[in-house]
Structures are given as C-alpha cells and as structure tokens.
C-alpha cells in the first residue's frame, strides 16, 4: 500500500494476534518527499540511515535511491 499524501509505501502484518504497520522509503517515495522539500524551500531532509542505501543484492534499486537523493543536491 502507499500513503496518498507523500507516496510512502507501507504494509501491515500480524504476529501473535497483534497487528503491526511498517513504513519505509523507496525511490518513488524519496523523489516525492524531496520534491516537496524543494517546493516548500526547506533546508533539507534525508534518509534515516545512509548505510542502508547500498543494497548489494539489488544494485538497481540502490542506484535509484541515490539518484533520488541527488535531486536535492543540485
């Protein structure tokens, strides 16, 4: 699923009768967030942990995440 406001993906899961919700960023959500930051003339934003953007098992997605970040560095 995706949040309608910032286009951020999330999912729900159940464990031992409890429901949990996990939100995370991907290249699409990062691009939406960074576009919004630029439109609002904010000082900036960034991922929670840069070390998690180097996805050795998925170079294509890793490259797309870094490309999204570069949109605000120009």
C-alpha atoms as a PDB file:
ATOM      1  CA  UNK A   1       0.000   0.000   0.000  1.00  0.00           C
ATOM      2  CA  UNK A   2       1.038   3.635  -0.385  1.00  0.00           C
ATOM      3  CA  UNK A   3       0.207   6.735   1.611  1.00  0.00           C
ATOM      4  CA  UNK A   4      -1.797   9.149  -0.557  1.00  0.00           C
ATOM      5  CA  UNK A   5      -0.088  12.282   0.786  1.00  0.00           C
ATOM      6  CA  UNK A   6       3.650  11.611   0.365  1.00  0.00           C
ATOM      7  CA  UNK A   7       3.505   8.403  -1.692  1.00  0.00           C
ATOM      8  CA  UNK A   8       5.294   6.407   1.026  1.00  0.00           C
ATOM      9  CA  UNK A   9       4.867   2.611   0.936  1.00  0.00           C
ATOM     10  CA  UNK A  10       3.767   0.652   3.986  1.00  0.00           C
ATOM     11  CA  UNK A  11       2.375  -2.725   4.902  1.00  0.00           C
ATOM     12  CA  UNK A  12       0.560  -4.355   7.795  1.00  0.00           C
ATOM     13  CA  UNK A  13       1.250  -7.747   9.278  1.00  0.00           C
ATOM     14  CA  UNK A  14       0.043  -9.760  12.227  1.00  0.00           C
ATOM     15  CA  UNK A  15       2.136 -11.603  14.786  1.00  0.00           C
ATOM     16  CA  UNK A  16       0.676 -13.423  17.782  1.00  0.00           C
ATOM     17  CA  UNK A  17      -2.678 -11.709  17.325  1.00  0.00           C
ATOM     18  CA  UNK A  18      -1.208  -8.194  17.184  1.00  0.00           C
ATOM     19  CA  UNK A  19      -1.245  -6.013  14.073  1.00  0.00           C
ATOM     20  CA  UNK A  20       1.881  -4.059  13.137  1.00  0.00           C
ATOM     21  CA  UNK A  21       2.450  -1.444  10.451  1.00  0.00           C
ATOM     22  CA  UNK A  22       5.805  -0.852   8.742  1.00  0.00           C
ATOM     23  CA  UNK A  23       6.606   2.276   6.702  1.00  0.00           C
ATOM     24  CA  UNK A  24       9.676   2.514   4.501  1.00  0.00           C
ATOM     25  CA  UNK A  25      11.112   4.591   1.670  1.00  0.00           C
ATOM     26  CA  UNK A  26      11.825   3.604  -1.897  1.00  0.00           C
ATOM     27  CA  UNK A  27      12.982   5.672  -4.898  1.00  0.00           C
ATOM     28  CA  UNK A  28       9.414   6.778  -5.643  1.00  0.00           C
ATOM     29  CA  UNK A  29       8.696   7.986  -2.106  1.00  0.00           C
ATOM     30  CA  UNK A  30      12.093   9.664  -1.768  1.00  0.00           C
ATOM     31  CA  UNK A  31      11.511  11.572  -5.004  1.00  0.00           C
ATOM     32  CA  UNK A  32       8.081  12.721  -3.765  1.00  0.00           C
ATOM     33  CA  UNK A  33       9.486  13.795  -0.409  1.00  0.00           C
ATOM     34  CA  UNK A  34      12.453  15.646  -1.924  1.00  0.00           C
ATOM     35  CA  UNK A  35      10.214  17.396  -4.463  1.00  0.00           C
ATOM     36  CA  UNK A  36       8.016  18.552  -1.579  1.00  0.00           C
ATOM     37  CA  UNK A  37      11.069  19.764   0.399  1.00  0.00           C
ATOM     38  CA  UNK A  38      12.230  21.803  -2.596  1.00  0.00           C
ATOM     39  CA  UNK A  39       8.732  23.208  -3.224  1.00  0.00           C
ATOM     40  CA  UNK A  40       8.495  24.291   0.427  1.00  0.00           C
ATOM     41  CA  UNK A  41      12.022  25.836   0.364  1.00  0.00           C
ATOM     42  CA  UNK A  42      13.023  23.762   3.387  1.00  0.00           C
ATOM     43  CA  UNK A  43      16.640  23.330   4.442  1.00  0.00           C
ATOM     44  CA  UNK A  44      16.659  19.650   3.556  1.00  0.00           C
ATOM     45  CA  UNK A  45      15.859  16.131   4.577  1.00  0.00           C
ATOM     46  CA  UNK A  46      17.457  12.737   4.219  1.00  0.00           C
ATOM     47  CA  UNK A  47      17.125   9.041   4.890  1.00  0.00           C
ATOM     48  CA  UNK A  48      17.307   7.772   8.435  1.00  0.00           C
ATOM     49  CA  UNK A  49      20.369   5.636   7.686  1.00  0.00           C
ATOM     50  CA  UNK A  50      22.548   6.232   4.645  1.00  0.00           C
ATOM     51  CA  UNK A  51      24.312   2.891   5.177  1.00  0.00           C
ATOM     52  CA  UNK A  52      21.106   1.076   4.284  1.00  0.00           C
ATOM     53  CA  UNK A  53      21.039   2.607   0.806  1.00  0.00           C
ATOM     54  CA  UNK A  54      23.856   0.420  -0.511  1.00  0.00           C
ATOM     55  CA  UNK A  55      21.856  -2.652  -1.393  1.00  0.00           C
ATOM     56  CA  UNK A  56      24.409  -5.181  -2.577  1.00  0.00           C
ATOM     57  CA  UNK A  57      21.681  -7.637  -3.539  1.00  0.00           C
ATOM     58  CA  UNK A  58      19.729  -5.021  -5.538  1.00  0.00           C
ATOM     59  CA  UNK A  59      22.075  -2.551  -7.243  1.00  0.00           C
ATOM     60  CA  UNK A  60      19.314  -1.181  -9.477  1.00  0.00           C
ATOM     61  CA  UNK A  61      17.195  -0.099  -6.510  1.00  0.00           C
ATOM     62  CA  UNK A  62      20.242   1.207  -4.651  1.00  0.00           C
ATOM     63  CA  UNK A  63      21.213   3.354  -7.654  1.00  0.00           C
ATOM     64  CA  UNK A  64      17.631   4.655  -7.899  1.00  0.00           C
ATOM     65  CA  UNK A  65      17.633   5.601  -4.196  1.00  0.00           C
ATOM     66  CA  UNK A  66      20.882   7.563  -4.592  1.00  0.00           C
ATOM     67  CA  UNK A  67      19.552   9.215  -7.761  1.00  0.00           C
ATOM     68  CA  UNK A  68      16.502  10.411  -5.816  1.00  0.00           C
ATOM     69  CA  UNK A  69      18.753  11.928  -3.156  1.00  0.00           C
ATOM     70  CA  UNK A  70      20.834  13.713  -5.797  1.00  0.00           C
ATOM     71  CA  UNK A  71      17.768  15.663  -6.923  1.00  0.00           C
ATOM     72  CA  UNK A  72      18.090  17.840  -3.799  1.00  0.00           C
ATOM     73  CA  UNK A  73      21.866  18.147  -4.011  1.00  0.00           C
ATOM     74  CA  UNK A  74      21.837  20.035  -7.312  1.00  0.00           C
END
